[in-house]
């Protein structure tokens, strides 16, 4: 007697659930589960539709397994420390806020893979060093130093400048977590969030860092109103509102102003501020490149 179609489908569904459960019980790995499910399908008299479901399920499990394996490999690379950056604190890997607090406390070393993004890989937090006789500075220590100097130049007291710089540094984890990846006209990678930009570098001593990025700069967008004209030989257009700490070349969209109207006191102050920030940007990039060259020469001398 031929069973109704609905009953056949219900029976097949119940059988499939049974074989899925049995395959799970007998398996200790994803590969074993796929193998046991395929064997069950071969021994049972499933309909073509049920066999198709089993095939899709098996392929899905295999794909998920491959993706998990790749992710595990990526994370392993991302959390492998680089000896050049000193002591590693592995217990803070993949914990950006805690990693940052640890480095601020210890004032040395690194946290390899302190942060991780699918579109970038591992992002190391490196304490580095402020500017000294031996080094022009790099890492979080240098970002702190630069921000303190900027705040002092803007008229803040020493205590206020330190607090300002610290707040800047502490916003980095949020920028990396919630921000959008981008690339500037020089090919440098960054993450933007709100008016904040964290610059990233994946080379050290002219060598690529496999699945690693290191914080190279911190920038703030100028949220004040921009004047239409600027009293410089090469005017900065209104569209360029990012003041980079690591810019080497002028923005290619920069245009020379042929005619200028008299500037108001506010416009004059903003223009002077822009010129100062551009000068600091060039100086910072030159210092960074010099530090890399010094480190290279030091290693070659060993």
Protein backbone atom coordinates (compact mmCIF):
# COMPACT_ATOMS: atom_id res chain seq x y z
CA UNK A 1 0.00 0.00 0.00
CA UNK A 2 1.32 3.41 -0.95
CA UNK A 3 1.50 5.86 1.95
CA UNK A 4 0.24 9.44 1.57
CA UNK A 5 2.94 11.93 0.52
CA UNK A 6 2.63 13.95 3.74
CA UNK A 7 3.12 10.81 5.82
CA UNK A 8 6.14 9.79 3.75
CA UNK A 9 7.70 13.22 4.30
CA UNK A 10 6.99 13.09 8.03
CA UNK A 11 8.54 9.62 8.27
CA UNK A 12 11.60 10.74 6.31
CA UNK A 13 11.94 13.80 8.54
CA UNK A 14 11.80 11.68 11.69
CA UNK A 15 14.37 9.28 10.25
CA UNK A 16 16.67 12.13 9.33
CA UNK A 17 16.48 13.54 12.86
CA UNK A 18 17.28 10.08 14.24
CA UNK A 19 20.36 9.69 12.04
CA UNK A 20 21.53 13.20 12.84
CA UNK A 21 21.28 12.46 16.55
CA UNK A 22 23.13 9.15 16.16
CA UNK A 23 25.90 10.78 14.11
CA UNK A 24 26.35 13.45 16.79
CA UNK A 25 26.48 10.87 19.59
CA UNK A 26 29.14 8.81 17.81
CA UNK A 27 31.33 11.72 16.79
CA UNK A 28 34.11 13.50 18.66
CA UNK A 29 34.98 15.94 15.89
CA UNK A 30 33.37 17.73 12.97
CA UNK A 31 35.06 15.44 10.45
CA UNK A 32 33.74 12.35 12.27
CA UNK A 33 30.22 13.78 12.29
CA UNK A 34 30.30 14.38 8.53
CA UNK A 35 31.64 10.87 7.90
CA UNK A 36 29.06 9.17 10.15
CA UNK A 37 26.20 11.12 8.59
CA UNK A 38 27.32 10.16 5.08
CA UNK A 39 27.51 6.48 6.10
CA UNK A 40 23.99 6.64 7.54
CA UNK A 41 22.69 8.16 4.33
CA UNK A 42 24.27 5.35 2.28
CA UNK A 43 22.70 2.61 4.43
CA UNK A 44 19.21 4.12 4.60
CA UNK A 45 16.58 4.38 1.89
CA UNK A 46 16.07 8.11 1.95
CA UNK A 47 14.22 10.01 -0.73
CA UNK A 48 16.14 12.19 -3.14
CA UNK A 49 14.98 15.31 -1.31
CA UNK A 50 16.23 13.96 2.03
CA UNK A 51 19.55 12.94 0.47
CA UNK A 52 19.87 16.46 -0.91
CA UNK A 53 19.28 17.91 2.55
CA UNK A 54 21.96 15.61 4.01
CA UNK A 55 24.41 16.62 1.28
CA UNK A 56 23.77 20.33 1.89
CA UNK A 57 24.12 19.82 5.63
CA UNK A 58 27.39 17.93 5.22
CA UNK A 59 28.82 20.56 2.89
CA UNK A 60 27.77 23.30 5.29
CA UNK A 61 29.47 21.55 8.19
CA UNK A 62 32.67 21.11 6.16
CA UNK A 63 32.69 24.77 5.14
CA UNK A 64 32.12 25.88 8.73
CA UNK A 65 34.95 23.61 9.86
CA UNK A 66 37.34 25.11 7.29
CA UNK A 67 36.37 28.65 8.32
CA UNK A 68 36.89 27.84 11.99
CA UNK A 69 40.26 26.29 11.23
CA UNK A 70 41.35 29.38 9.30
CA UNK A 71 40.09 31.67 12.06
CA UNK A 72 42.02 29.68 14.66
CA UNK A 73 45.17 29.93 12.54
CA UNK A 74 44.69 33.67 12.05
CA UNK A 75 44.20 34.21 15.77
CA UNK A 76 47.33 32.19 16.54
CA UNK A 77 49.38 34.39 14.20
CA UNK A 78 47.71 37.54 15.53
CA UNK A 79 48.58 36.77 19.15
CA UNK A 80 52.18 35.72 18.49
CA UNK A 81 54.41 38.47 19.94
CA UNK A 82 57.22 40.22 18.10
CA UNK A 83 60.46 40.14 20.07
CA UNK A 84 61.37 43.61 18.85
CA UNK A 85 58.65 45.12 21.04
CA UNK A 86 59.72 43.57 24.33
CA UNK A 87 57.80 41.63 26.96
CA UNK A 88 54.37 40.35 25.95
CA UNK A 89 51.33 40.15 28.22
CA UNK A 90 49.39 37.27 26.58
CA UNK A 91 46.61 37.19 29.17
CA UNK A 92 45.30 40.44 27.69
CA UNK A 93 45.14 39.27 24.06
CA UNK A 94 41.80 40.06 22.38
CA UNK A 95 40.94 42.36 25.31
CA UNK A 96 41.75 45.85 23.98
CA UNK A 97 40.57 47.88 26.98
CA UNK A 98 42.33 45.67 29.51
CA UNK A 99 45.44 45.49 27.31
CA UNK A 100 45.65 49.27 27.16
CA UNK A 101 45.25 49.62 30.92
CA UNK A 102 48.01 47.05 31.44
CA UNK A 103 50.47 48.91 29.22
CA UNK A 104 49.60 52.24 30.86
CA UNK A 105 50.35 50.58 34.19
CA UNK A 106 53.56 48.79 33.20
CA UNK A 107 54.84 51.42 30.73
CA UNK A 108 56.75 48.79 28.76
CA UNK A 109 56.28 45.80 26.48
CA UNK A 110 53.38 44.84 24.27
CA UNK A 111 50.12 42.95 24.01
CA UNK A 112 50.22 40.96 20.77
CA UNK A 113 46.76 40.73 19.25
CA UNK A 114 45.25 43.11 21.79
CA UNK A 115 42.49 43.73 19.25
CA UNK A 116 41.27 41.75 16.26
CA UNK A 117 39.18 42.66 13.24
CA UNK A 118 38.01 40.35 10.47
CA UNK A 119 39.03 42.91 7.84
CA UNK A 120 42.49 43.52 9.30
CA UNK A 121 43.63 40.69 11.54
CA UNK A 122 45.53 41.21 14.78
CA UNK A 123 46.30 44.69 16.09
CA UNK A 124 49.19 44.89 18.56
CA UNK A 125 49.35 47.45 21.34
CA UNK A 126 53.01 48.43 21.76
CA UNK A 127 54.20 50.74 24.53
CA UNK A 128 57.28 51.89 22.61
CA UNK A 129 59.23 54.92 23.77
CA UNK A 130 58.91 58.70 23.83
CA UNK A 131 61.52 60.80 22.05
CA UNK A 132 65.02 60.29 23.50
CA UNK A 133 68.64 60.71 22.42
CA UNK A 134 68.59 57.15 21.09
CA UNK A 135 65.14 57.20 19.47
CA UNK A 136 62.75 59.68 17.91
CA UNK A 137 59.94 57.75 19.59
CA UNK A 138 57.20 55.30 18.58
CA UNK A 139 54.21 53.44 19.99
CA UNK A 140 51.68 54.50 22.61
CA UNK A 141 54.34 56.31 24.63
CA UNK A 142 55.11 58.55 21.67
CA UNK A 143 51.41 59.24 21.00
CA UNK A 144 51.02 60.28 24.64
CA UNK A 145 54.06 62.51 24.42
CA UNK A 146 52.89 64.23 21.24
CA UNK A 147 49.42 64.84 22.59
CA UNK A 148 50.78 66.28 25.84
CA UNK A 149 53.02 68.64 23.87
CA UNK A 150 50.08 69.73 21.74
CA UNK A 151 47.92 70.41 24.81
CA UNK A 152 50.70 72.39 26.50
CA UNK A 153 51.17 74.45 23.35
CA UNK A 154 47.44 75.18 23.37
CA UNK A 155 47.71 76.64 26.86
CA UNK A 156 46.72 73.74 29.13
CA UNK A 157 48.53 73.19 32.41
CA UNK A 158 50.86 70.20 32.77
CA UNK A 159 48.24 68.24 34.74
CA UNK A 160 45.51 69.10 32.24
CA UNK A 161 47.77 68.15 29.33
CA UNK A 162 48.50 64.72 30.83
CA UNK A 163 44.80 64.09 31.44
CA UNK A 164 43.95 65.18 27.90
CA UNK A 165 46.57 62.85 26.38
CA UNK A 166 45.43 59.95 28.56
CA UNK A 167 41.81 60.38 27.47
CA UNK A 168 42.97 60.36 23.86
CA UNK A 169 44.81 57.07 24.32
CA UNK A 170 41.91 55.46 26.18
CA UNK A 171 39.57 56.04 23.24
CA UNK A 172 41.66 53.82 20.93
CA UNK A 173 39.88 50.50 21.77
CA UNK A 174 36.48 51.99 20.94
CA UNK A 175 37.75 53.39 17.64
CA UNK A 176 39.18 50.00 16.64
CA UNK A 177 36.03 48.14 17.69
CA UNK A 178 33.38 50.41 16.16
CA UNK A 179 35.26 52.27 13.44
CA UNK A 180 35.47 51.84 9.69
CA UNK A 181 38.63 50.75 7.91
CA UNK A 182 40.01 53.05 5.23
CA UNK A 183 43.11 53.89 3.20
CA UNK A 184 44.50 57.36 2.49
CA UNK A 185 46.01 58.61 -0.78
CA UNK A 186 49.45 57.34 0.27
CA UNK A 187 48.14 53.81 0.85
CA UNK A 188 48.27 54.04 4.63
CA UNK A 189 45.60 52.10 6.52
CA UNK A 190 43.48 53.65 9.26
CA UNK A 191 40.28 53.12 11.27
CA UNK A 192 37.86 56.05 11.56
CA UNK A 193 35.20 56.51 14.23
CA UNK A 194 33.45 59.83 14.72
CA UNK A 195 36.10 62.53 14.70
CA UNK A 196 38.89 60.09 15.61
CA UNK A 197 41.34 58.24 13.38
CA UNK A 198 43.81 55.54 14.43
CA UNK A 199 46.61 54.97 11.92
CA UNK A 200 48.00 51.45 11.50
CA UNK A 201 51.27 50.09 10.14
CA UNK A 202 52.02 46.47 9.16
CA UNK A 203 55.77 46.82 8.57
CA UNK A 204 58.73 47.09 10.90
CA UNK A 205 62.34 47.54 9.80
CA UNK A 206 61.17 47.26 6.19
CA UNK A 207 59.64 43.82 6.85
CA UNK A 208 55.97 42.87 6.64
CA UNK A 209 54.32 41.80 9.88
CA UNK A 210 52.25 38.69 9.05
CA UNK A 211 48.65 39.23 10.16
CA UNK A 212 49.83 41.99 12.51
CA UNK A 213 49.13 45.70 12.66
CA UNK A 214 50.74 48.19 15.02
CA UNK A 215 49.25 51.55 15.99
CA UNK A 216 51.34 54.23 14.31
CA UNK A 217 49.33 57.40 14.87
CA UNK A 218 46.26 59.00 16.40
CA UNK A 219 44.50 61.87 14.68
CA UNK A 220 41.54 64.11 15.44
CA UNK A 221 39.26 65.70 12.91
CA UNK A 222 38.93 69.44 13.33
CA UNK A 223 35.25 69.97 14.19
CA UNK A 224 35.52 73.76 14.19
CA UNK A 225 34.16 75.73 11.26
CA UNK A 226 36.67 76.07 8.45
CA UNK A 227 37.38 79.41 6.77
CA UNK A 228 36.80 79.51 3.02
CA UNK A 229 40.33 80.81 2.29
CA UNK A 230 43.68 80.28 3.95
CA UNK A 231 46.70 82.61 3.86
CA UNK A 232 49.17 80.00 2.59
CA UNK A 233 50.97 79.59 -0.73
CA UNK A 234 49.23 76.25 -1.18
CA UNK A 235 45.79 76.49 0.39
CA UNK A 236 44.22 73.54 2.14
CA UNK A 237 40.79 72.85 0.70
CA UNK A 238 37.71 72.71 2.91
CA UNK A 239 37.38 68.99 2.23
CA UNK A 240 40.69 68.23 3.97
CA UNK A 241 39.64 68.32 7.61
CA UNK A 242 41.97 65.60 8.89
CA UNK A 243 45.14 66.83 10.59
CA UNK A 244 47.47 63.85 10.38
CA UNK A 245 50.38 63.28 12.70
CA UNK A 246 52.03 61.19 10.01
CA UNK A 247 51.45 62.98 6.70
CA UNK A 248 54.48 63.30 4.43
CA UNK A 249 53.02 64.74 1.25
CA UNK A 250 50.41 67.46 0.77
CA UNK A 251 46.89 66.37 -0.13
CA UNK A 252 46.64 66.00 -3.93
CA UNK A 253 43.38 67.96 -3.82
CA UNK A 254 45.24 71.02 -2.51
CA UNK A 255 44.71 74.06 -4.73
CA UNK A 256 46.47 77.40 -4.92
CA UNK A 257 44.24 80.32 -4.12
CA UNK A 258 44.52 83.09 -6.68
CA UNK A 259 42.42 85.70 -4.89
CA UNK A 260 41.76 86.09 -1.19
CA UNK A 261 39.41 88.21 0.83
CA UNK A 262 40.49 89.78 4.12
CA UNK A 263 40.31 87.25 6.96
CA UNK A 264 38.34 87.76 10.12
CA UNK A 265 40.15 87.22 13.46
CA UNK A 266 38.47 83.78 13.77
CA UNK A 267 39.49 82.78 10.25
CA UNK A 268 43.03 83.99 10.88
CA UNK A 269 43.26 81.93 14.09
CA UNK A 270 41.93 78.81 12.36
CA UNK A 271 44.33 79.27 9.46
CA UNK A 272 47.31 79.58 11.80
CA UNK A 273 46.16 76.46 13.63
CA UNK A 274 45.94 74.51 10.36
CA UNK A 275 49.40 75.62 9.30
CA UNK A 276 50.83 74.57 12.67
CA UNK A 277 49.20 71.13 12.50
CA UNK A 278 50.49 70.56 8.99
CA UNK A 279 54.01 71.39 10.16
CA UNK A 280 53.67 68.97 13.08
CA UNK A 281 52.40 66.28 10.70
CA UNK A 282 55.49 66.53 8.52
CA UNK A 283 57.81 66.55 11.53
CA UNK A 284 56.11 63.50 13.05
CA UNK A 285 56.40 61.46 9.86
CA UNK A 286 60.05 62.37 9.46
CA UNK A 287 60.72 61.31 13.05
CA UNK A 288 58.97 57.98 12.48
CA UNK A 289 60.98 57.23 9.35
CA UNK A 290 64.20 58.22 11.11
CA UNK A 291 63.41 55.86 13.99
CA UNK A 292 62.89 52.96 11.61
CA UNK A 293 66.21 53.70 9.90
CA UNK A 294 68.05 53.94 13.24
CA UNK A 295 66.62 50.61 14.35
CA UNK A 296 67.65 49.01 11.06
CA UNK A 297 71.22 50.33 11.40
CA UNK A 298 71.40 49.14 15.00
CA UNK A 299 70.40 45.59 14.02
CA UNK A 300 72.87 45.52 11.12
CA UNK A 301 75.64 46.55 13.51
CA UNK A 302 74.94 43.60 15.85
